[in-house]
């Protein structure tokens, strides 16, 4: 039993140390690559047709949010890659 726990600890130590948990990484990645650019492009176009307010502000906010989330996703990926190199 004690030997089995030691093996589990060693296995966990070999996993990369990402900044974000997997579910948060996937959510941020999807949001950054698909959802926010869609909002940044589609909302101003629809706002012009339907007379919705603040089209420039919504578009610019979505673009800035995509940039920030993209940086967070990138930092998480780099952190995981660095920890994998140290383990190798």
PDB file of N, CA and C in Angstrom:
ATOM      1  N   UNK A   1       0.831  -1.195   0.000  1.00  0.00           N
ATOM      2  CA  UNK A   1       0.000   0.000   0.000  1.00  0.00           C
ATOM      3  C   UNK A   1       0.868   1.247   0.000  1.00  0.00           C
ATOM      4  N   UNK A   2       1.889   1.272   0.835  1.00  0.00           N
ATOM      5  CA  UNK A   2       2.770   2.433   0.915  1.00  0.00           C
ATOM      6  C   UNK A   2       3.546   2.615  -0.383  1.00  0.00           C
ATOM      7  N   UNK A   3       3.937   1.520  -0.985  1.00  0.00           N
ATOM      8  CA  UNK A   3       4.664   1.567  -2.252  1.00  0.00           C
ATOM      9  C   UNK A   3       3.759   2.103  -3.370  1.00  0.00           C
ATOM     10  N   UNK A   4       2.484   1.753  -3.316  1.00  0.00           N
ATOM     11  CA  UNK A   4       1.523   2.218  -4.310  1.00  0.00           C
ATOM     12  C   UNK A   4       1.327   3.734  -4.202  1.00  0.00           C
ATOM     13  N   UNK A   5       1.242   4.259  -2.995  1.00  0.00           N
ATOM     14  CA  UNK A   5       1.113   5.706  -2.790  1.00  0.00           C
ATOM     15  C   UNK A   5       2.338   6.438  -3.297  1.00  0.00           C
ATOM     16  N   UNK A   6       3.504   5.872  -3.079  1.00  0.00           N
ATOM     17  CA  UNK A   6       4.743   6.482  -3.554  1.00  0.00           C
ATOM     18  C   UNK A   6       4.727   6.582  -5.071  1.00  0.00           C
ATOM     19  N   UNK A   7       4.261   5.531  -5.748  1.00  0.00           N
ATOM     20  CA  UNK A   7       4.175   5.547  -7.201  1.00  0.00           C
ATOM     21  C   UNK A   7       3.190   6.610  -7.676  1.00  0.00           C
ATOM     22  N   UNK A   8       2.063   6.749  -6.978  1.00  0.00           N
ATOM     23  CA  UNK A   8       1.075   7.764  -7.345  1.00  0.00           C
ATOM     24  C   UNK A   8       1.654   9.156  -7.202  1.00  0.00           C
ATOM     25  N   UNK A   9       2.389   9.406  -6.139  1.00  0.00           N
ATOM     26  CA  UNK A   9       3.006  10.719  -5.920  1.00  0.00           C
ATOM     27  C   UNK A   9       4.023  11.006  -7.017  1.00  0.00           C
ATOM     28  N   UNK A  10       4.794  10.014  -7.400  1.00  0.00           N
ATOM     29  CA  UNK A  10       5.774  10.187  -8.474  1.00  0.00           C
ATOM     30  C   UNK A  10       5.078  10.474  -9.804  1.00  0.00           C
ATOM     31  N   UNK A  11       3.952   9.791 -10.058  1.00  0.00           N
ATOM     32  CA  UNK A  11       3.209  10.030 -11.288  1.00  0.00           C
ATOM     33  C   UNK A  11       2.661  11.448 -11.336  1.00  0.00           C
ATOM     34  N   UNK A  12       2.132  11.926 -10.227  1.00  0.00           N
ATOM     35  CA  UNK A  12       1.595  13.286 -10.161  1.00  0.00           C
ATOM     36  C   UNK A  12       2.708  14.308 -10.326  1.00  0.00           C
ATOM     37  N   UNK A  13       3.863  14.043  -9.785  1.00  0.00           N
ATOM     38  CA  UNK A  13       4.989  14.967  -9.897  1.00  0.00           C
ATOM     39  C   UNK A  13       5.440  15.125 -11.343  1.00  0.00           C
ATOM     40  N   UNK A  14       5.173  14.141 -12.190  1.00  0.00           N
ATOM     41  CA  UNK A  14       5.582  14.221 -13.584  1.00  0.00           C
ATOM     42  C   UNK A  14       4.583  14.980 -14.452  1.00  0.00           C
ATOM     43  N   UNK A  15       3.401  15.258 -13.945  1.00  0.00           N
ATOM     44  CA  UNK A  15       2.418  16.007 -14.708  1.00  0.00           C
ATOM     45  C   UNK A  15       2.838  17.469 -14.820  1.00  0.00           C
ATOM     46  N   UNK A  16       2.517  18.124 -15.933  1.00  0.00           N
ATOM     47  CA  UNK A  16       2.883  19.534 -16.074  1.00  0.00           C
ATOM     48  C   UNK A  16       2.091  20.406 -15.108  1.00  0.00           C
ATOM     49  N   UNK A  17       2.725  21.466 -14.623  1.00  0.00           N
ATOM     50  CA  UNK A  17       2.084  22.388 -13.681  1.00  0.00           C
ATOM     51  C   UNK A  17       1.499  23.560 -14.449  1.00  0.00           C
ATOM     52  N   UNK A  18       0.295  23.395 -14.938  1.00  0.00           N
ATOM     53  CA  UNK A  18      -0.368  24.473 -15.674  1.00  0.00           C
ATOM     54  C   UNK A  18      -0.895  25.517 -14.699  1.00  0.00           C
ATOM     55  N   UNK A  19      -0.994  26.747 -15.176  1.00  0.00           N
ATOM     56  CA  UNK A  19      -1.512  27.835 -14.348  1.00  0.00           C
ATOM     57  C   UNK A  19      -3.013  27.640 -14.115  1.00  0.00           C
ATOM     58  N   UNK A  20      -3.714  27.191 -15.141  1.00  0.00           N
ATOM     59  CA  UNK A  20      -5.160  27.001 -15.055  1.00  0.00           C
ATOM     60  C   UNK A  20      -5.504  25.515 -14.994  1.00  0.00           C
ATOM     61  N   UNK A  21      -6.579  25.164 -14.285  1.00  0.00           N
ATOM     62  CA  UNK A  21      -7.064  23.786 -14.371  1.00  0.00           C
ATOM     63  C   UNK A  21      -7.550  23.503 -15.798  1.00  0.00           C
ATOM     64  N   UNK A  22      -7.637  22.260 -16.170  1.00  0.00           N
ATOM     65  CA  UNK A  22      -7.976  21.877 -17.538  1.00  0.00           C
ATOM     66  C   UNK A  22      -9.309  22.473 -18.000  1.00  0.00           C
ATOM     67  N   UNK A  23     -10.336  22.403 -17.162  1.00  0.00           N
ATOM     68  CA  UNK A  23     -11.644  22.916 -17.572  1.00  0.00           C
ATOM     69  C   UNK A  23     -11.597  24.418 -17.802  1.00  0.00           C
ATOM     70  N   UNK A  24     -10.857  25.156 -16.962  1.00  0.00           N
ATOM     71  CA  UNK A  24     -10.755  26.605 -17.125  1.00  0.00           C
ATOM     72  C   UNK A  24      -9.943  26.955 -18.370  1.00  0.00           C
ATOM     73  N   UNK A  25      -8.894  26.174 -18.620  1.00  0.00           N
ATOM     74  CA  UNK A  25      -8.072  26.381 -19.812  1.00  0.00           C
ATOM     75  C   UNK A  25      -8.925  26.204 -21.068  1.00  0.00           C
ATOM     76  N   UNK A  26      -9.698  25.120 -21.120  1.00  0.00           N
ATOM     77  CA  UNK A  26     -10.539  24.864 -22.298  1.00  0.00           C
ATOM     78  C   UNK A  26     -11.603  25.946 -22.473  1.00  0.00           C
ATOM     79  N   UNK A  27     -12.199  26.389 -21.377  1.00  0.00           N
ATOM     80  CA  UNK A  27     -13.203  27.443 -21.442  1.00  0.00           C
ATOM     81  C   UNK A  27     -12.601  28.748 -21.949  1.00  0.00           C
ATOM     82  N   UNK A  28     -11.464  29.135 -21.394  1.00  0.00           N
ATOM     83  CA  UNK A  28     -10.790  30.372 -21.828  1.00  0.00           C
ATOM     84  C   UNK A  28     -10.358  30.273 -23.282  1.00  0.00           C
ATOM     85  N   UNK A  29      -9.844  29.110 -23.669  1.00  0.00           N
ATOM     86  CA  UNK A  29      -9.382  28.918 -25.041  1.00  0.00           C
ATOM     87  C   UNK A  29     -10.545  29.053 -26.025  1.00  0.00           C
ATOM     88  N   UNK A  30     -11.657  28.391 -25.745  1.00  0.00           N
ATOM     89  CA  UNK A  30     -12.819  28.460 -26.621  1.00  0.00           C
ATOM     90  C   UNK A  30     -13.375  29.886 -26.680  1.00  0.00           C
ATOM     91  N   UNK A  31     -13.462  30.512 -25.528  1.00  0.00           N
ATOM     92  CA  UNK A  31     -13.980  31.871 -25.469  1.00  0.00           C
ATOM     93  C   UNK A  31     -13.086  32.832 -26.246  1.00  0.00           C
ATOM     94  N   UNK A  32     -11.773  32.666 -26.102  1.00  0.00           N
ATOM     95  CA  UNK A  32     -10.816  33.546 -26.757  1.00  0.00           C
ATOM     96  C   UNK A  32     -10.791  33.343 -28.267  1.00  0.00           C
ATOM     97  N   UNK A  33     -10.855  32.106 -28.707  1.00  0.00           N
ATOM     98  CA  UNK A  33     -10.718  31.818 -30.133  1.00  0.00           C
ATOM     99  C   UNK A  33     -12.016  31.955 -30.922  1.00  0.00           C
ATOM    100  N   UNK A  34     -13.162  31.782 -30.267  1.00  0.00           N
ATOM    101  CA  UNK A  34     -14.418  31.762 -31.009  1.00  0.00           C
ATOM    102  C   UNK A  34     -15.403  32.840 -30.541  1.00  0.00           C
ATOM    103  N   UNK A  35     -15.758  32.800 -29.279  1.00  0.00           N
ATOM    104  CA  UNK A  35     -16.864  33.622 -28.798  1.00  0.00           C
ATOM    105  C   UNK A  35     -16.581  35.129 -28.850  1.00  0.00           C
ATOM    106  N   UNK A  36     -15.471  35.564 -28.272  1.00  0.00           N
ATOM    107  CA  UNK A  36     -15.200  37.001 -28.226  1.00  0.00           C
ATOM    108  C   UNK A  36     -14.941  37.615 -29.600  1.00  0.00           C
ATOM    109  N   UNK A  37     -14.186  36.963 -30.489  1.00  0.00           N
ATOM    110  CA  UNK A  37     -14.068  37.534 -31.840  1.00  0.00           C
ATOM    111  C   UNK A  37     -15.415  37.595 -32.571  1.00  0.00           C
ATOM    112  N   UNK A  38     -16.270  36.605 -32.340  1.00  0.00           N
ATOM    113  CA  UNK A  38     -17.598  36.631 -32.939  1.00  0.00           C
ATOM    114  C   UNK A  38     -18.383  37.850 -32.455  1.00  0.00           C
ATOM    115  N   UNK A  39     -18.351  38.099 -31.161  1.00  0.00           N
ATOM    116  CA  UNK A  39     -19.053  39.259 -30.601  1.00  0.00           C
ATOM    117  C   UNK A  39     -18.456  40.557 -31.150  1.00  0.00           C
ATOM    118  N   UNK A  40     -17.122  40.620 -31.222  1.00  0.00           N
ATOM    119  CA  UNK A  40     -16.453  41.833 -31.686  1.00  0.00           C
ATOM    120  C   UNK A  40     -16.817  42.183 -33.123  1.00  0.00           C
ATOM    121  N   UNK A  41     -17.085  41.178 -33.929  1.00  0.00           N
ATOM    122  CA  UNK A  41     -17.421  41.426 -35.337  1.00  0.00           C
ATOM    123  C   UNK A  41     -18.932  41.507 -35.551  1.00  0.00           C
ATOM    124  N   UNK A  42     -19.671  40.599 -34.959  1.00  0.00           N
ATOM    125  CA  UNK A  42     -21.103  40.505 -35.249  1.00  0.00           C
ATOM    126  C   UNK A  42     -21.924  41.617 -34.600  1.00  0.00           C
ATOM    127  N   UNK A  43     -21.599  41.989 -33.365  1.00  0.00           N
ATOM    128  CA  UNK A  43     -22.434  42.980 -32.673  1.00  0.00           C
ATOM    129  C   UNK A  43     -22.488  44.319 -33.404  1.00  0.00           C
ATOM    130  N   UNK A  44     -21.359  44.888 -33.840  1.00  0.00           N
ATOM    131  CA  UNK A  44     -21.463  46.168 -34.555  1.00  0.00           C
ATOM    132  C   UNK A  44     -22.283  46.066 -35.850  1.00  0.00           C
ATOM    133  N   UNK A  45     -22.175  44.944 -36.531  1.00  0.00           N
ATOM    134  CA  UNK A  45     -22.948  44.767 -37.761  1.00  0.00           C
ATOM    135  C   UNK A  45     -24.439  44.686 -37.450  1.00  0.00           C
ATOM    136  N   UNK A  46     -24.786  43.902 -36.438  1.00  0.00           N
ATOM    137  CA  UNK A  46     -26.193  43.793 -36.054  1.00  0.00           C
ATOM    138  C   UNK A  46     -26.706  45.093 -35.439  1.00  0.00           C
ATOM    139  N   UNK A  47     -25.845  45.796 -34.717  1.00  0.00           N
ATOM    140  CA  UNK A  47     -26.245  47.069 -34.115  1.00  0.00           C
ATOM    141  C   UNK A  47     -26.585  48.098 -35.185  1.00  0.00           C
ATOM    142  N   UNK A  48     -25.851  48.075 -36.289  1.00  0.00           N
ATOM    143  CA  UNK A  48     -26.147  49.000 -37.386  1.00  0.00           C
ATOM    144  C   UNK A  48     -27.501  48.698 -38.024  1.00  0.00           C
ATOM    145  N   UNK A  49     -27.841  47.433 -38.109  1.00  0.00           N
ATOM    146  CA  UNK A  49     -29.117  47.032 -38.721  1.00  0.00           C
ATOM    147  C   UNK A  49     -30.286  47.308 -37.775  1.00  0.00           C
ATOM    148  N   UNK A  50     -30.130  46.934 -36.505  1.00  0.00           N
ATOM    149  CA  UNK A  50     -31.235  46.966 -35.559  1.00  0.00           C
ATOM    150  C   UNK A  50     -31.237  48.193 -34.650  1.00  0.00           C
ATOM    151  N   UNK A  51     -30.252  49.035 -34.755  1.00  0.00           N
ATOM    152  CA  UNK A  51     -30.211  50.243 -33.941  1.00  0.00           C
ATOM    153  C   UNK A  51     -29.839  50.000 -32.492  1.00  0.00           C
ATOM    154  N   UNK A  52     -29.058  48.946 -32.234  1.00  0.00           N
ATOM    155  CA  UNK A  52     -28.620  48.650 -30.869  1.00  0.00           C
ATOM    156  C   UNK A  52     -27.571  49.674 -30.437  1.00  0.00           C
ATOM    157  N   UNK A  53     -27.521  49.967 -29.150  1.00  0.00           N
ATOM    158  CA  UNK A  53     -26.583  50.997 -28.673  1.00  0.00           C
ATOM    159  C   UNK A  53     -25.164  50.465 -28.454  1.00  0.00           C
ATOM    160  N   UNK A  54     -24.227  51.384 -28.365  1.00  0.00           N
ATOM    161  CA  UNK A  54     -22.852  51.138 -27.928  1.00  0.00           C
ATOM    162  C   UNK A  54     -22.106  50.088 -28.757  1.00  0.00           C
ATOM    163  N   UNK A  55     -22.273  50.120 -30.057  1.00  0.00           N
ATOM    164  CA  UNK A  55     -21.649  49.083 -30.883  1.00  0.00           C
ATOM    165  C   UNK A  55     -20.123  49.139 -30.824  1.00  0.00           C
ATOM    166  N   UNK A  56     -19.544  50.331 -30.875  1.00  0.00           N
ATOM    167  CA  UNK A  56     -18.079  50.440 -30.802  1.00  0.00           C
ATOM    168  C   UNK A  56     -17.554  49.984 -29.450  1.00  0.00           C
ATOM    169  N   UNK A  57     -18.235  50.375 -28.394  1.00  0.00           N
ATOM    170  CA  UNK A  57     -17.789  50.011 -27.051  1.00  0.00           C
ATOM    171  C   UNK A  57     -17.837  48.503 -26.829  1.00  0.00           C
ATOM    172  N   UNK A  58     -18.897  47.864 -27.278  1.00  0.00           N
ATOM    173  CA  UNK A  58     -19.026  46.413 -27.124  1.00  0.00           C
ATOM    174  C   UNK A  58     -17.936  45.706 -27.930  1.00  0.00           C
ATOM    175  N   UNK A  59     -17.717  46.153 -29.154  1.00  0.00           N
ATOM    176  CA  UNK A  59     -16.703  45.542 -30.010  1.00  0.00           C
ATOM    177  C   UNK A  59     -15.306  45.689 -29.418  1.00  0.00           C
ATOM    178  N   UNK A  60     -14.970  46.870 -28.962  1.00  0.00           N
ATOM    179  CA  UNK A  60     -13.647  47.100 -28.383  1.00  0.00           C
ATOM    180  C   UNK A  60     -13.462  46.335 -27.075  1.00  0.00           C
ATOM    181  N   UNK A  61     -14.504  46.269 -26.263  1.00  0.00           N
ATOM    182  CA  UNK A  61     -14.424  45.514 -25.004  1.00  0.00           C
ATOM    183  C   UNK A  61     -14.211  44.027 -25.278  1.00  0.00           C
ATOM    184  N   UNK A  62     -14.918  43.489 -26.259  1.00  0.00           N
ATOM    185  CA  UNK A  62     -14.743  42.075 -26.613  1.00  0.00           C
ATOM    186  C   UNK A  62     -13.325  41.821 -27.121  1.00  0.00           C
ATOM    187  N   UNK A  63     -12.783  42.750 -27.882  1.00  0.00           N
ATOM    188  CA  UNK A  63     -11.411  42.594 -28.394  1.00  0.00           C
ATOM    189  C   UNK A  63     -10.384  42.620 -27.270  1.00  0.00           C
ATOM    190  N   UNK A  64     -10.544  43.530 -26.332  1.00  0.00           N
ATOM    191  CA  UNK A  64      -9.611  43.612 -25.197  1.00  0.00           C
ATOM    192  C   UNK A  64      -9.733  42.366 -24.320  1.00  0.00           C
ATOM    193  N   UNK A  65     -10.953  41.911 -24.079  1.00  0.00           N
ATOM    194  CA  UNK A  65     -11.146  40.696 -23.276  1.00  0.00           C
ATOM    195  C   UNK A  65     -10.507  39.485 -23.958  1.00  0.00           C
ATOM    196  N   UNK A  66     -10.612  39.399 -25.285  1.00  0.00           N
ATOM    197  CA  UNK A  66      -9.974  38.301 -26.016  1.00  0.00           C
ATOM    198  C   UNK A  66      -8.463  38.369 -25.872  1.00  0.00           C
ATOM    199  N   UNK A  67      -7.908  39.559 -25.913  1.00  0.00           N
ATOM    200  CA  UNK A  67      -6.466  39.724 -25.742  1.00  0.00           C
ATOM    201  C   UNK A  67      -6.017  39.278 -24.354  1.00  0.00           C
ATOM    202  N   UNK A  68      -6.736  39.686 -23.323  1.00  0.00           N
ATOM    203  CA  UNK A  68      -6.377  39.328 -21.949  1.00  0.00           C
ATOM    204  C   UNK A  68      -6.504  37.817 -21.735  1.00  0.00           C
ATOM    205  N   UNK A  69      -7.603  37.244 -22.172  1.00  0.00           N
ATOM    206  CA  UNK A  69      -7.775  35.787 -22.018  1.00  0.00           C
ATOM    207  C   UNK A  69      -6.753  35.017 -22.850  1.00  0.00           C
ATOM    208  N   UNK A  70      -6.430  35.526 -24.025  1.00  0.00           N
ATOM    209  CA  UNK A  70      -5.409  34.886 -24.849  1.00  0.00           C
ATOM    210  C   UNK A  70      -4.060  34.873 -24.160  1.00  0.00           C
ATOM    211  N   UNK A  71      -3.725  35.969 -23.491  1.00  0.00           N
ATOM    212  CA  UNK A  71      -2.466  36.018 -22.742  1.00  0.00           C
ATOM    213  C   UNK A  71      -2.483  35.016 -21.593  1.00  0.00           C
ATOM    214  N   UNK A  72      -3.601  34.901 -20.903  1.00  0.00           N
ATOM    215  CA  UNK A  72      -3.717  33.948 -19.799  1.00  0.00           C
ATOM    216  C   UNK A  72      -3.593  32.509 -20.295  1.00  0.00           C
ATOM    217  N   UNK A  73      -4.218  32.203 -21.417  1.00  0.00           N
ATOM    218  CA  UNK A  73      -4.113  30.872 -22.008  1.00  0.00           C
ATOM    219  C   UNK A  73      -2.669  30.596 -22.415  1.00  0.00           C
ATOM    220  N   UNK A  74      -2.024  31.584 -23.006  1.00  0.00           N
ATOM    221  CA  UNK A  74      -0.626  31.420 -23.411  1.00  0.00           C
ATOM    222  C   UNK A  74       0.303  31.205 -22.235  1.00  0.00           C
ATOM    223  N   UNK A  75       0.102  31.954 -21.163  1.00  0.00           N
ATOM    224  CA  UNK A  75       0.931  31.787 -19.965  1.00  0.00           C
ATOM    225  C   UNK A  75       0.738  30.400 -19.375  1.00  0.00           C
ATOM    226  N   UNK A  76      -0.492  29.920 -19.357  1.00  0.00           N
ATOM    227  CA  UNK A  76      -0.753  28.580 -18.831  1.00  0.00           C
ATOM    228  C   UNK A  76      -0.056  27.525 -19.675  1.00  0.00           C
ATOM    229  N   UNK A  77      -0.123  27.675 -20.987  1.00  0.00           N
ATOM    230  CA  UNK A  77       0.511  26.704 -21.876  1.00  0.00           C
ATOM    231  C   UNK A  77       2.027  26.719 -21.725  1.00  0.00           C
ATOM    232  N   UNK A  78       2.615  27.897 -21.635  1.00  0.00           N
ATOM    233  CA  UNK A  78       4.067  28.000 -21.464  1.00  0.00           C
ATOM    234  C   UNK A  78       4.486  27.420 -20.110  1.00  0.00           C
ATOM    235  N   UNK A  79       3.713  27.706 -19.065  1.00  0.00           N
ATOM    236  CA  UNK A  79       4.018  27.157 -17.744  1.00  0.00           C
ATOM    237  C   UNK A  79       4.006  25.643 -17.739  1.00  0.00           C
ATOM    238  N   UNK A  80       3.055  25.052 -18.435  1.00  0.00           N
ATOM    239  CA  UNK A  80       2.997  23.597 -18.530  1.00  0.00           C
ATOM    240  C   UNK A  80       4.165  23.033 -19.320  1.00  0.00           C
ATOM    241  N   UNK A  81       4.540  23.703 -20.396  1.00  0.00           N
ATOM    242  CA  UNK A  81       5.669  23.236 -21.210  1.00  0.00           C
ATOM    243  C   UNK A  81       6.975  23.318 -20.435  1.00  0.00           C
ATOM    244  N   UNK A  82       7.160  24.381 -19.662  1.00  0.00           N
ATOM    245  CA  UNK A  82       8.379  24.537 -18.869  1.00  0.00           C
ATOM    246  C   UNK A  82       8.454  23.453 -17.814  1.00  0.00           C
ATOM    247  N   UNK A  83       7.330  23.183 -17.138  1.00  0.00           N
ATOM    248  CA  UNK A  83       7.357  22.164 -16.093  1.00  0.00           C
ATOM    249  C   UNK A  83       7.602  20.770 -16.675  1.00  0.00           C
ATOM    250  N   UNK A  84       7.137  20.533 -17.912  1.00  0.00           N
ATOM    251  CA  UNK A  84       7.398  19.238 -18.548  1.00  0.00           C
ATOM    252  C   UNK A  84       8.876  19.089 -18.896  1.00  0.00           C
ATOM    253  N   UNK A  85       9.507  20.183 -19.324  1.00  0.00           N
ATOM    254  CA  UNK A  85      10.941  20.118 -19.640  1.00  0.00           C
ATOM    255  C   UNK A  85      11.770  19.859 -18.394  1.00  0.00           C
ATOM    256  N   UNK A  86      11.387  20.468 -17.276  1.00  0.00           N
ATOM    257  CA  UNK A  86      12.124  20.253 -16.033  1.00  0.00           C
ATOM    258  C   UNK A  86      11.988  18.805 -15.573  1.00  0.00           C
ATOM    259  N   UNK A  87      10.807  18.202 -15.826  1.00  0.00           N
ATOM    260  CA  UNK A  87      10.583  16.816 -15.394  1.00  0.00           C
ATOM    261  C   UNK A  87      11.347  15.827 -16.273  1.00  0.00           C
ATOM    262  N   UNK A  88      11.643  16.228 -17.500  1.00  0.00           N
ATOM    263  CA  UNK A  88      12.328  15.302 -18.423  1.00  0.00           C
ATOM    264  C   UNK A  88      13.794  15.206 -18.195  1.00  0.00           C
TER     265      UNK A  88
END
